[in-house]
Amino acid sequence: MSDVRTYIQSGNLVFSSEDPSGAKMALEKSLEDYAGKAVGVMLRSAQEMQDVLNANPFQEANPSKIGVLFLNDAPPRDTVLIAKGRADEEIVLGAREVYIHFPSGMGRTKLRLPVMSEGTVRNVNTIGTLVKMATDT
């Protein structure tokens, strides 16, 4: 890994690598050594992150109220049907993501998706910043 940069203290890391799979495994091993337990890593290329932004089904909504749940695999098809605590949230499945619009704000939601334990959520503003960091040379 090279050109390693972090963004805010929620586990966002931007870096260059000729071996993304090897980098993912190395990060997972280092985090497990540090934390004493397995810690999952979600890895996306700059283009994949840009694709996530482009595929956002809530383009007209306030970006700070749109969360993207990043997963390593495709979300289960029944994710929307088995959502718990849903109020005004809108949920759309992506390729390896779940897009969630939180009209009342992320901090007020009671929404629970079983798949949330397998991933990590970032708002669209954060994703945009990470894309910019990854593409700035």
C-alpha atoms as a PDB file:
ATOM      1  CA  MET A   1       0.000   0.000   0.000  1.00  0.00           C
ATOM      2  CA  SER A   2       1.126   3.538  -0.690  1.00  0.00           C
ATOM      3  CA  ASP A   3      -0.263   7.082  -0.568  1.00  0.00           C
ATOM      4  CA  VAL A   4      -2.179   6.168   2.607  1.00  0.00           C
ATOM      5  CA  ARG A   5      -4.565   8.844   3.901  1.00  0.00           C
ATOM      6  CA  THR A   6      -7.366   8.805   6.449  1.00  0.00           C
ATOM      7  CA  TYR A   7     -10.600  10.765   6.572  1.00  0.00           C
ATOM      8  CA  ILE A   8     -12.405  11.414   9.860  1.00  0.00           C
ATOM      9  CA  GLN A   9     -12.198   8.912  12.681  1.00  0.00           C
ATOM     10  CA  SER A  10     -14.666   6.334  11.435  1.00  0.00           C
ATOM     11  CA  GLY A  11     -12.359   3.987   9.596  1.00  0.00           C
ATOM     12  CA  ASN A  12     -12.076   5.681   6.208  1.00  0.00           C
ATOM     13  CA  LEU A  13      -8.775   4.901   4.526  1.00  0.00           C
ATOM     14  CA  VAL A  14      -7.714   5.932   1.023  1.00  0.00           C
ATOM     15  CA  PHE A  15      -4.637   4.298  -0.487  1.00  0.00           C
ATOM     16  CA  SER A  16      -3.036   2.993  -3.671  1.00  0.00           C
ATOM     17  CA  SER A  17      -2.312  -0.687  -4.185  1.00  0.00           C
ATOM     18  CA  GLU A  18      -1.316  -2.987  -7.015  1.00  0.00           C
ATOM     19  CA  ASP A  19      -2.898  -5.873  -5.060  1.00  0.00           C
ATOM     20  CA  PRO A  20      -6.294  -4.848  -3.610  1.00  0.00           C
ATOM     21  CA  SER A  21      -7.099  -8.369  -2.399  1.00  0.00           C
ATOM     22  CA  GLY A  22      -3.747  -8.627  -0.612  1.00  0.00           C
ATOM     23  CA  ALA A  23      -4.204  -5.154   0.880  1.00  0.00           C
ATOM     24  CA  LYS A  24      -7.649  -6.120   2.197  1.00  0.00           C
ATOM     25  CA  MET A  25      -6.259  -9.258   3.831  1.00  0.00           C
ATOM     26  CA  ALA A  26      -3.332  -7.322   5.340  1.00  0.00           C
ATOM     27  CA  LEU A  27      -5.681  -4.682   6.759  1.00  0.00           C
ATOM     28  CA  GLU A  28      -7.974  -7.329   8.239  1.00  0.00           C
ATOM     29  CA  LYS A  29      -4.992  -9.100   9.842  1.00  0.00           C
ATOM     30  CA  SER A  30      -3.585  -5.864  11.291  1.00  0.00           C
ATOM     31  CA  LEU A  31      -6.984  -4.856  12.665  1.00  0.00           C
ATOM     32  CA  GLU A  32      -7.521  -8.293  14.188  1.00  0.00           C
ATOM     33  CA  ASP A  33      -4.084  -8.154  15.832  1.00  0.00           C
ATOM     34  CA  TYR A  34      -4.903  -4.706  17.223  1.00  0.00           C
ATOM     35  CA  ALA A  35      -8.504  -5.355  18.312  1.00  0.00           C
ATOM     36  CA  GLY A  36      -8.124  -8.964  19.392  1.00  0.00           C
ATOM     37  CA  LYS A  37     -11.040 -10.018  17.193  1.00  0.00           C
ATOM     38  CA  ALA A  38     -11.935 -10.151  13.524  1.00  0.00           C
ATOM     39  CA  VAL A  39     -12.715  -6.749  12.006  1.00  0.00           C
ATOM     40  CA  GLY A  40     -14.309  -6.635   8.570  1.00  0.00           C
ATOM     41  CA  VAL A  41     -12.925  -4.398   5.839  1.00  0.00           C
ATOM     42  CA  MET A  42     -15.012  -2.971   2.997  1.00  0.00           C
ATOM     43  CA  LEU A  43     -12.785  -2.193   0.030  1.00  0.00           C
ATOM     44  CA  ARG A  44     -13.813  -0.208  -3.054  1.00  0.00           C
ATOM     45  CA  SER A  45     -11.815   1.356  -5.867  1.00  0.00           C
ATOM     46  CA  ALA A  46     -12.174   5.052  -6.647  1.00  0.00           C
ATOM     47  CA  GLN A  47     -14.283   4.124  -9.685  1.00  0.00           C
ATOM     48  CA  GLU A  48     -16.515   1.845  -7.626  1.00  0.00           C
ATOM     49  CA  MET A  49     -17.063   4.652  -5.115  1.00  0.00           C
ATOM     50  CA  GLN A  50     -17.933   7.030  -7.959  1.00  0.00           C
ATOM     51  CA  ASP A  51     -20.333   4.398  -9.310  1.00  0.00           C
ATOM     52  CA  VAL A  52     -22.007   4.256  -5.878  1.00  0.00           C
ATOM     53  CA  LEU A  53     -22.561   8.020  -6.031  1.00  0.00           C
ATOM     54  CA  ASN A  54     -23.855   7.819  -9.602  1.00  0.00           C
ATOM     55  CA  ALA A  55     -26.293   5.024  -8.698  1.00  0.00           C
ATOM     56  CA  ASN A  56     -27.727   6.945  -5.719  1.00  0.00           C
ATOM     57  CA  PRO A  57     -31.511   6.674  -6.177  1.00  0.00           C
ATOM     58  CA  PHE A  58     -32.084   9.707  -3.940  1.00  0.00           C
ATOM     59  CA  GLN A  59     -30.211  12.351  -5.957  1.00  0.00           C
ATOM     60  CA  GLU A  60     -32.705  15.090  -5.035  1.00  0.00           C
ATOM     61  CA  ALA A  61     -32.474  14.510  -1.272  1.00  0.00           C
ATOM     62  CA  ASN A  62     -30.124  16.231   1.179  1.00  0.00           C
ATOM     63  CA  PRO A  63     -26.855  14.232   0.871  1.00  0.00           C
ATOM     64  CA  SER A  64     -26.321  14.286   4.638  1.00  0.00           C
ATOM     65  CA  LYS A  65     -29.580  12.339   4.988  1.00  0.00           C
ATOM     66  CA  ILE A  66     -28.611   9.560   2.591  1.00  0.00           C
ATOM     67  CA  GLY A  67     -26.705   6.617   3.993  1.00  0.00           C
ATOM     68  CA  VAL A  68     -25.048   3.920   1.963  1.00  0.00           C
ATOM     69  CA  LEU A  69     -24.533   0.584   3.681  1.00  0.00           C
ATOM     70  CA  PHE A  70     -21.428  -0.966   2.135  1.00  0.00           C
ATOM     71  CA  LEU A  71     -21.287  -4.774   2.038  1.00  0.00           C
ATOM     72  CA  ASN A  72     -18.812  -7.298   0.668  1.00  0.00           C
ATOM     73  CA  ASP A  73     -21.571  -9.133  -1.219  1.00  0.00           C
ATOM     74  CA  ALA A  74     -24.966  -8.359  -2.717  1.00  0.00           C
ATOM     75  CA  PRO A  75     -27.591  -7.516  -0.081  1.00  0.00           C
ATOM     76  CA  PRO A  76     -30.237 -10.185   0.535  1.00  0.00           C
ATOM     77  CA  ARG A  77     -33.286  -9.661  -1.663  1.00  0.00           C
ATOM     78  CA  ASP A  78     -35.580  -9.560   1.372  1.00  0.00           C
ATOM     79  CA  THR A  79     -33.642  -6.723   3.062  1.00  0.00           C
ATOM     80  CA  VAL A  80     -36.442  -4.189   2.583  1.00  0.00           C
ATOM     81  CA  LEU A  81     -39.192  -6.619   3.616  1.00  0.00           C
ATOM     82  CA  ILE A  82     -37.555  -7.599   6.912  1.00  0.00           C
ATOM     83  CA  ALA A  83     -36.556  -4.080   7.973  1.00  0.00           C
ATOM     84  CA  LYS A  84     -37.493  -3.313  11.587  1.00  0.00           C
ATOM     85  CA  GLY A  85     -38.298   0.061  13.147  1.00  0.00           C
ATOM     86  CA  ARG A  86     -38.940   1.673   9.800  1.00  0.00           C
ATOM     87  CA  ALA A  87     -40.662   5.064   9.889  1.00  0.00           C
ATOM     88  CA  ASP A  88     -40.162   7.438   6.945  1.00  0.00           C
ATOM     89  CA  GLU A  89     -36.942   5.847   5.666  1.00  0.00           C
ATOM     90  CA  GLU A  90     -36.714   4.773   2.039  1.00  0.00           C
ATOM     91  CA  ILE A  91     -34.550   1.752   1.196  1.00  0.00           C
ATOM     92  CA  VAL A  92     -33.187   0.711  -2.209  1.00  0.00           C
ATOM     93  CA  LEU A  93     -30.857  -2.215  -2.865  1.00  0.00           C
ATOM     94  CA  GLY A  94     -27.704  -1.729  -4.919  1.00  0.00           C
ATOM     95  CA  ALA A  95     -25.081  -4.151  -6.239  1.00  0.00           C
ATOM     96  CA  ARG A  96     -23.103  -4.480  -2.971  1.00  0.00           C
ATOM     97  CA  GLU A  97     -24.778  -1.606  -1.176  1.00  0.00           C
ATOM     98  CA  VAL A  98     -28.046  -0.615   0.442  1.00  0.00           C
ATOM     99  CA  TYR A  99     -29.102   2.998  -0.120  1.00  0.00           C
ATOM    100  CA  ILE A 100     -31.146   4.501   2.708  1.00  0.00           C
ATOM    101  CA  HIS A 101     -32.822   7.907   2.709  1.00  0.00           C
ATOM    102  CA  PHE A 102     -33.351   9.168   6.261  1.00  0.00           C
ATOM    103  CA  PRO A 103     -35.722  12.173   5.814  1.00  0.00           C
ATOM    104  CA  SER A 104     -35.802  12.770   9.589  1.00  0.00           C
ATOM    105  CA  GLY A 105     -32.042  12.315   9.915  1.00  0.00           C
ATOM    106  CA  MET A 106     -29.744   9.387  10.633  1.00  0.00           C
ATOM    107  CA  GLY A 107     -29.478  10.251  14.314  1.00  0.00           C
ATOM    108  CA  ARG A 108     -33.215   9.873  14.899  1.00  0.00           C
ATOM    109  CA  THR A 109     -33.801   6.610  13.074  1.00  0.00           C
ATOM    110  CA  LYS A 110     -34.898   3.400  14.737  1.00  0.00           C
ATOM    111  CA  LEU A 111     -34.350   1.480  11.486  1.00  0.00           C
ATOM    112  CA  ARG A 112     -32.683  -1.894  11.851  1.00  0.00           C
ATOM    113  CA  LEU A 113     -31.681  -4.134   8.977  1.00  0.00           C
ATOM    114  CA  PRO A 114     -30.216  -7.548   9.854  1.00  0.00           C
ATOM    115  CA  VAL A 115     -27.587  -7.028   7.146  1.00  0.00           C
ATOM    116  CA  MET A 116     -26.263  -3.899   8.918  1.00  0.00           C
ATOM    117  CA  SER A 117     -24.047  -6.081  11.106  1.00  0.00           C
ATOM    118  CA  GLU A 118     -22.216  -7.209   7.959  1.00  0.00           C
ATOM    119  CA  GLY A 119     -21.333  -3.751   6.679  1.00  0.00           C
ATOM    120  CA  THR A 120     -20.698  -0.111   7.380  1.00  0.00           C
ATOM    121  CA  VAL A 121     -22.727   3.021   6.596  1.00  0.00           C
ATOM    122  CA  ARG A 122     -21.379   6.280   5.192  1.00  0.00           C
ATOM    123  CA  ASN A 123     -23.360   9.328   4.132  1.00  0.00           C
ATOM    124  CA  VAL A 124     -23.151  10.638   0.583  1.00  0.00           C
ATOM    125  CA  ASN A 125     -21.067  13.668   1.625  1.00  0.00           C
ATOM    126  CA  THR A 126     -18.407  11.372   3.087  1.00  0.00           C
ATOM    127  CA  ILE A 127     -18.437   9.170  -0.004  1.00  0.00           C
ATOM    128  CA  GLY A 128     -17.967  12.250  -2.205  1.00  0.00           C
ATOM    129  CA  THR A 129     -15.001  13.370  -0.116  1.00  0.00           C
ATOM    130  CA  LEU A 130     -13.433   9.906  -0.322  1.00  0.00           C
ATOM    131  CA  VAL A 131     -13.843   9.886  -4.114  1.00  0.00           C
ATOM    132  CA  LYS A 132     -12.165  13.295  -4.312  1.00  0.00           C
ATOM    133  CA  MET A 133      -9.301  12.121  -2.095  1.00  0.00           C
ATOM    134  CA  ALA A 134      -8.859   8.967  -4.182  1.00  0.00           C
ATOM    135  CA  THR A 135      -8.827  10.790  -7.508  1.00  0.00           C
ATOM    136  CA  ASP A 136      -6.737  13.843  -6.560  1.00  0.00           C
ATOM    137  CA  THR A 137      -3.184  13.430  -7.749  1.00  0.00           C
END
